[in-house]
Amino acid sequence: MNSRPAFTFYSYLLRVHASHNPHLSSSRQHQIKRSYDVLKPLFDQHIAGDDGQAIFEGKDRWGEVLATCPVESIVNKMTAKWSRTSDDSSSSEKWAQLEAALEEYTAKPKEVKRAMLNKGFELEKWRLELVSII
């Protein structure tokens, strides 16, 4: 699957999610995953990458991205880390740090996950939407 059909299909699925239709068939879920897998390296290189748009370079740019994140604890953690005067991490490094924070949040024990199921869905949707901006 090349990137243009993947993006088109992915955009369609985001519209489906936006209409609050959480019941996607397993084949659709597989297609979302495949589309994400196609778009993710492109996002890494051309959007978050230091040689691309570097959307995490500078507080005004990463601040706009973090403002769209649905999980306040992640926003607060990244803002505190990246606002330090000693922080000299590049856009690529900030993206890697944000990805690690997203993984850490979604890797919580099952009993905690149940309590935050809706936030987890919102977070995954946000991650997919963020990568689909290319």
C-alpha atoms as a PDB file:
ATOM      1  CA  MET A   1       0.000   0.000   0.000  1.00  0.00           C
ATOM      2  CA  ASN A   2       1.606   3.280  -1.022  1.00  0.00           C
ATOM      3  CA  SER A   3       1.214   6.435   1.036  1.00  0.00           C
ATOM      4  CA  ARG A   4      -1.524   8.266  -0.927  1.00  0.00           C
ATOM      5  CA  PRO A   5      -4.182   5.496  -0.736  1.00  0.00           C
ATOM      6  CA  ALA A   6      -3.136   4.842   2.854  1.00  0.00           C
ATOM      7  CA  PHE A   7      -3.658   8.488   3.744  1.00  0.00           C
ATOM      8  CA  THR A   8      -7.000   8.637   1.930  1.00  0.00           C
ATOM      9  CA  PHE A   9      -8.261   5.549   3.693  1.00  0.00           C
ATOM     10  CA  TYR A  10      -6.879   6.763   6.981  1.00  0.00           C
ATOM     11  CA  SER A  11      -8.668  10.127   6.604  1.00  0.00           C
ATOM     12  CA  TYR A  12     -11.889   8.265   5.920  1.00  0.00           C
ATOM     13  CA  LEU A  13     -11.463   6.203   9.087  1.00  0.00           C
ATOM     14  CA  LEU A  14     -10.813   9.316  11.138  1.00  0.00           C
ATOM     15  CA  ARG A  15     -14.110  10.733   9.863  1.00  0.00           C
ATOM     16  CA  VAL A  16     -15.811   7.491  10.897  1.00  0.00           C
ATOM     17  CA  HIS A  17     -14.328   7.847  14.379  1.00  0.00           C
ATOM     18  CA  ALA A  18     -15.310  11.515  14.460  1.00  0.00           C
ATOM     19  CA  SER A  19     -18.918  10.512  13.886  1.00  0.00           C
ATOM     20  CA  HIS A  20     -18.653   8.479  17.130  1.00  0.00           C
ATOM     21  CA  ASN A  21     -18.924   5.105  15.457  1.00  0.00           C
ATOM     22  CA  PRO A  22     -16.669   2.970  17.626  1.00  0.00           C
ATOM     23  CA  HIS A  23     -17.720  -0.295  15.969  1.00  0.00           C
ATOM     24  CA  LEU A  24     -15.128  -0.976  13.313  1.00  0.00           C
ATOM     25  CA  SER A  25     -14.762  -4.457  11.950  1.00  0.00           C
ATOM     26  CA  SER A  26     -11.492  -6.257  12.560  1.00  0.00           C
ATOM     27  CA  SER A  27     -10.584  -5.825   8.886  1.00  0.00           C
ATOM     28  CA  ARG A  28     -11.030  -2.055   9.244  1.00  0.00           C
ATOM     29  CA  GLN A  29      -8.908  -2.070  12.385  1.00  0.00           C
ATOM     30  CA  HIS A  30      -6.235  -3.940  10.448  1.00  0.00           C
ATOM     31  CA  GLN A  31      -6.425  -1.346   7.660  1.00  0.00           C
ATOM     32  CA  ILE A  32      -6.041   1.476  10.184  1.00  0.00           C
ATOM     33  CA  LYS A  33      -2.922  -0.228  11.525  1.00  0.00           C
ATOM     34  CA  ARG A  34      -1.517  -0.727   8.023  1.00  0.00           C
ATOM     35  CA  SER A  35      -2.237   2.887   7.109  1.00  0.00           C
ATOM     36  CA  TYR A  36      -0.576   4.087  10.297  1.00  0.00           C
ATOM     37  CA  ASP A  37       2.440   1.883   9.573  1.00  0.00           C
ATOM     38  CA  VAL A  38       2.775   3.512   6.140  1.00  0.00           C
ATOM     39  CA  LEU A  39       2.333   7.069   7.413  1.00  0.00           C
ATOM     40  CA  LYS A  40       4.444   6.830  10.563  1.00  0.00           C
ATOM     41  CA  PRO A  41       7.902   6.753   8.895  1.00  0.00           C
ATOM     42  CA  LEU A  42       6.848   9.624   6.625  1.00  0.00           C
ATOM     43  CA  PHE A  43       5.729  11.627   9.667  1.00  0.00           C
ATOM     44  CA  ASP A  44       8.974  10.801  11.483  1.00  0.00           C
ATOM     45  CA  GLN A  45      11.088  12.038   8.594  1.00  0.00           C
ATOM     46  CA  HIS A  46       9.117  14.867   6.996  1.00  0.00           C
ATOM     47  CA  ILE A  47       7.055  16.323   9.832  1.00  0.00           C
ATOM     48  CA  ALA A  48       8.852  15.630  13.122  1.00  0.00           C
ATOM     49  CA  GLY A  49      12.317  15.140  11.657  1.00  0.00           C
ATOM     50  CA  ASP A  50      15.046  17.736  12.002  1.00  0.00           C
ATOM     51  CA  ASP A  51      15.509  17.844   8.225  1.00  0.00           C
ATOM     52  CA  GLY A  52      11.744  18.091   7.658  1.00  0.00           C
ATOM     53  CA  GLN A  53       9.239  20.521   9.173  1.00  0.00           C
ATOM     54  CA  ALA A  54      10.611  19.943  12.693  1.00  0.00           C
ATOM     55  CA  ILE A  55       7.233  20.564  14.334  1.00  0.00           C
ATOM     56  CA  PHE A  56       8.732  20.086  17.805  1.00  0.00           C
ATOM     57  CA  GLU A  57      11.413  22.743  17.319  1.00  0.00           C
ATOM     58  CA  GLY A  58      10.692  25.773  19.476  1.00  0.00           C
ATOM     59  CA  LYS A  59       8.131  26.260  22.218  1.00  0.00           C
ATOM     60  CA  ASP A  60       5.547  27.889  19.949  1.00  0.00           C
ATOM     61  CA  ARG A  61       5.568  24.876  17.613  1.00  0.00           C
ATOM     62  CA  TRP A  62       5.603  22.025  20.142  1.00  0.00           C
ATOM     63  CA  GLY A  63       3.150  23.973  22.289  1.00  0.00           C
ATOM     64  CA  GLU A  64       0.603  23.909  19.461  1.00  0.00           C
ATOM     65  CA  VAL A  65       1.002  20.154  19.077  1.00  0.00           C
ATOM     66  CA  LEU A  66       0.749  19.453  22.803  1.00  0.00           C
ATOM     67  CA  ALA A  67      -2.339  21.665  23.062  1.00  0.00           C
ATOM     68  CA  THR A  68      -4.196  19.074  20.985  1.00  0.00           C
ATOM     69  CA  CYS A  69      -3.247  16.120  23.237  1.00  0.00           C
ATOM     70  CA  PRO A  70      -6.267  14.822  25.193  1.00  0.00           C
ATOM     71  CA  VAL A  71      -4.263  13.610  28.209  1.00  0.00           C
ATOM     72  CA  GLU A  72      -3.333  16.445  30.545  1.00  0.00           C
ATOM     73  CA  SER A  73      -0.672  14.482  32.428  1.00  0.00           C
ATOM     74  CA  ILE A  74       1.267  13.908  29.184  1.00  0.00           C
ATOM     75  CA  VAL A  75       0.948  17.578  28.232  1.00  0.00           C
ATOM     76  CA  ASN A  76       2.185  18.655  31.665  1.00  0.00           C
ATOM     77  CA  LYS A  77       5.083  16.185  31.649  1.00  0.00           C
ATOM     78  CA  MET A  78       6.331  17.193  28.201  1.00  0.00           C
ATOM     79  CA  THR A  79       5.814  20.916  28.825  1.00  0.00           C
ATOM     80  CA  ALA A  80       7.815  20.733  32.062  1.00  0.00           C
ATOM     81  CA  LYS A  81      10.596  18.771  30.389  1.00  0.00           C
ATOM     82  CA  TRP A  82      10.851  20.861  27.224  1.00  0.00           C
ATOM     83  CA  SER A  83      10.475  24.240  28.966  1.00  0.00           C
ATOM     84  CA  ARG A  84      13.689  23.793  30.955  1.00  0.00           C
ATOM     85  CA  THR A  85      16.445  26.109  29.823  1.00  0.00           C
ATOM     86  CA  SER A  86      18.778  23.115  29.901  1.00  0.00           C
ATOM     87  CA  ASP A  87      16.664  21.234  27.340  1.00  0.00           C
ATOM     88  CA  ASP A  88      18.431  21.275  24.002  1.00  0.00           C
ATOM     89  CA  SER A  89      16.710  18.258  22.460  1.00  0.00           C
ATOM     90  CA  SER A  90      15.997  18.372  18.745  1.00  0.00           C
ATOM     91  CA  SER A  91      12.583  18.001  17.141  1.00  0.00           C
ATOM     92  CA  SER A  92      13.294  14.312  16.434  1.00  0.00           C
ATOM     93  CA  GLU A  93      14.335  13.745  20.034  1.00  0.00           C
ATOM     94  CA  LYS A  94      11.214  15.489  21.344  1.00  0.00           C
ATOM     95  CA  TRP A  95       9.044  13.320  19.111  1.00  0.00           C
ATOM     96  CA  ALA A  96      10.793  10.208  20.475  1.00  0.00           C
ATOM     97  CA  GLN A  97      10.221  11.453  24.034  1.00  0.00           C
ATOM     98  CA  LEU A  98       6.546  12.111  23.305  1.00  0.00           C
ATOM     99  CA  GLU A  99       6.157   8.654  21.759  1.00  0.00           C
ATOM    100  CA  ALA A 100       7.755   7.118  24.868  1.00  0.00           C
ATOM    101  CA  ALA A 101       5.327   9.045  27.093  1.00  0.00           C
ATOM    102  CA  LEU A 102       2.389   7.823  24.972  1.00  0.00           C
ATOM    103  CA  GLU A 103       3.609   4.229  25.228  1.00  0.00           C
ATOM    104  CA  GLU A 104       4.134   4.564  28.978  1.00  0.00           C
ATOM    105  CA  TYR A 105       0.600   5.916  29.403  1.00  0.00           C
ATOM    106  CA  THR A 106      -0.999   3.126  27.366  1.00  0.00           C
ATOM    107  CA  ALA A 107       1.088   0.364  29.007  1.00  0.00           C
ATOM    108  CA  LYS A 108      -0.560   0.745  32.414  1.00  0.00           C
ATOM    109  CA  PRO A 109      -1.937  -2.320  34.257  1.00  0.00           C
ATOM    110  CA  LYS A 110      -5.357  -3.616  33.178  1.00  0.00           C
ATOM    111  CA  GLU A 111      -7.210  -2.314  36.240  1.00  0.00           C
ATOM    112  CA  VAL A 112      -5.914   1.204  35.585  1.00  0.00           C
ATOM    113  CA  LYS A 113      -6.666   0.865  31.869  1.00  0.00           C
ATOM    114  CA  ARG A 114     -10.319   0.113  32.570  1.00  0.00           C
ATOM    115  CA  ALA A 115     -10.631   3.341  34.524  1.00  0.00           C
ATOM    116  CA  MET A 116      -9.090   5.326  31.687  1.00  0.00           C
ATOM    117  CA  LEU A 117     -10.564   3.460  28.714  1.00  0.00           C
ATOM    118  CA  ASN A 118     -12.175   6.538  27.169  1.00  0.00           C
ATOM    119  CA  LYS A 119      -9.005   8.624  27.569  1.00  0.00           C
ATOM    120  CA  GLY A 120      -7.024   5.783  26.025  1.00  0.00           C
ATOM    121  CA  PHE A 121      -9.309   5.785  22.996  1.00  0.00           C
ATOM    122  CA  GLU A 122      -9.004   9.580  22.734  1.00  0.00           C
ATOM    123  CA  LEU A 123      -5.226   9.334  23.032  1.00  0.00           C
ATOM    124  CA  GLU A 124      -4.946   6.701  20.311  1.00  0.00           C
ATOM    125  CA  LYS A 125      -7.234   8.747  18.070  1.00  0.00           C
ATOM    126  CA  TRP A 126      -5.062  11.804  18.724  1.00  0.00           C
ATOM    127  CA  ARG A 127      -1.900   9.887  17.869  1.00  0.00           C
ATOM    128  CA  LEU A 128      -3.454   8.704  14.599  1.00  0.00           C
ATOM    129  CA  GLU A 129      -4.687  12.200  13.736  1.00  0.00           C
ATOM    130  CA  LEU A 130      -1.286  13.726  14.511  1.00  0.00           C
ATOM    131  CA  VAL A 131       0.563  11.334  12.228  1.00  0.00           C
ATOM    132  CA  SER A 132      -2.041  11.812   9.472  1.00  0.00           C
ATOM    133  CA  ILE A 133      -1.267  15.529   9.069  1.00  0.00           C
ATOM    134  CA  ILE A 134       1.219  14.734   6.354  1.00  0.00           C
END
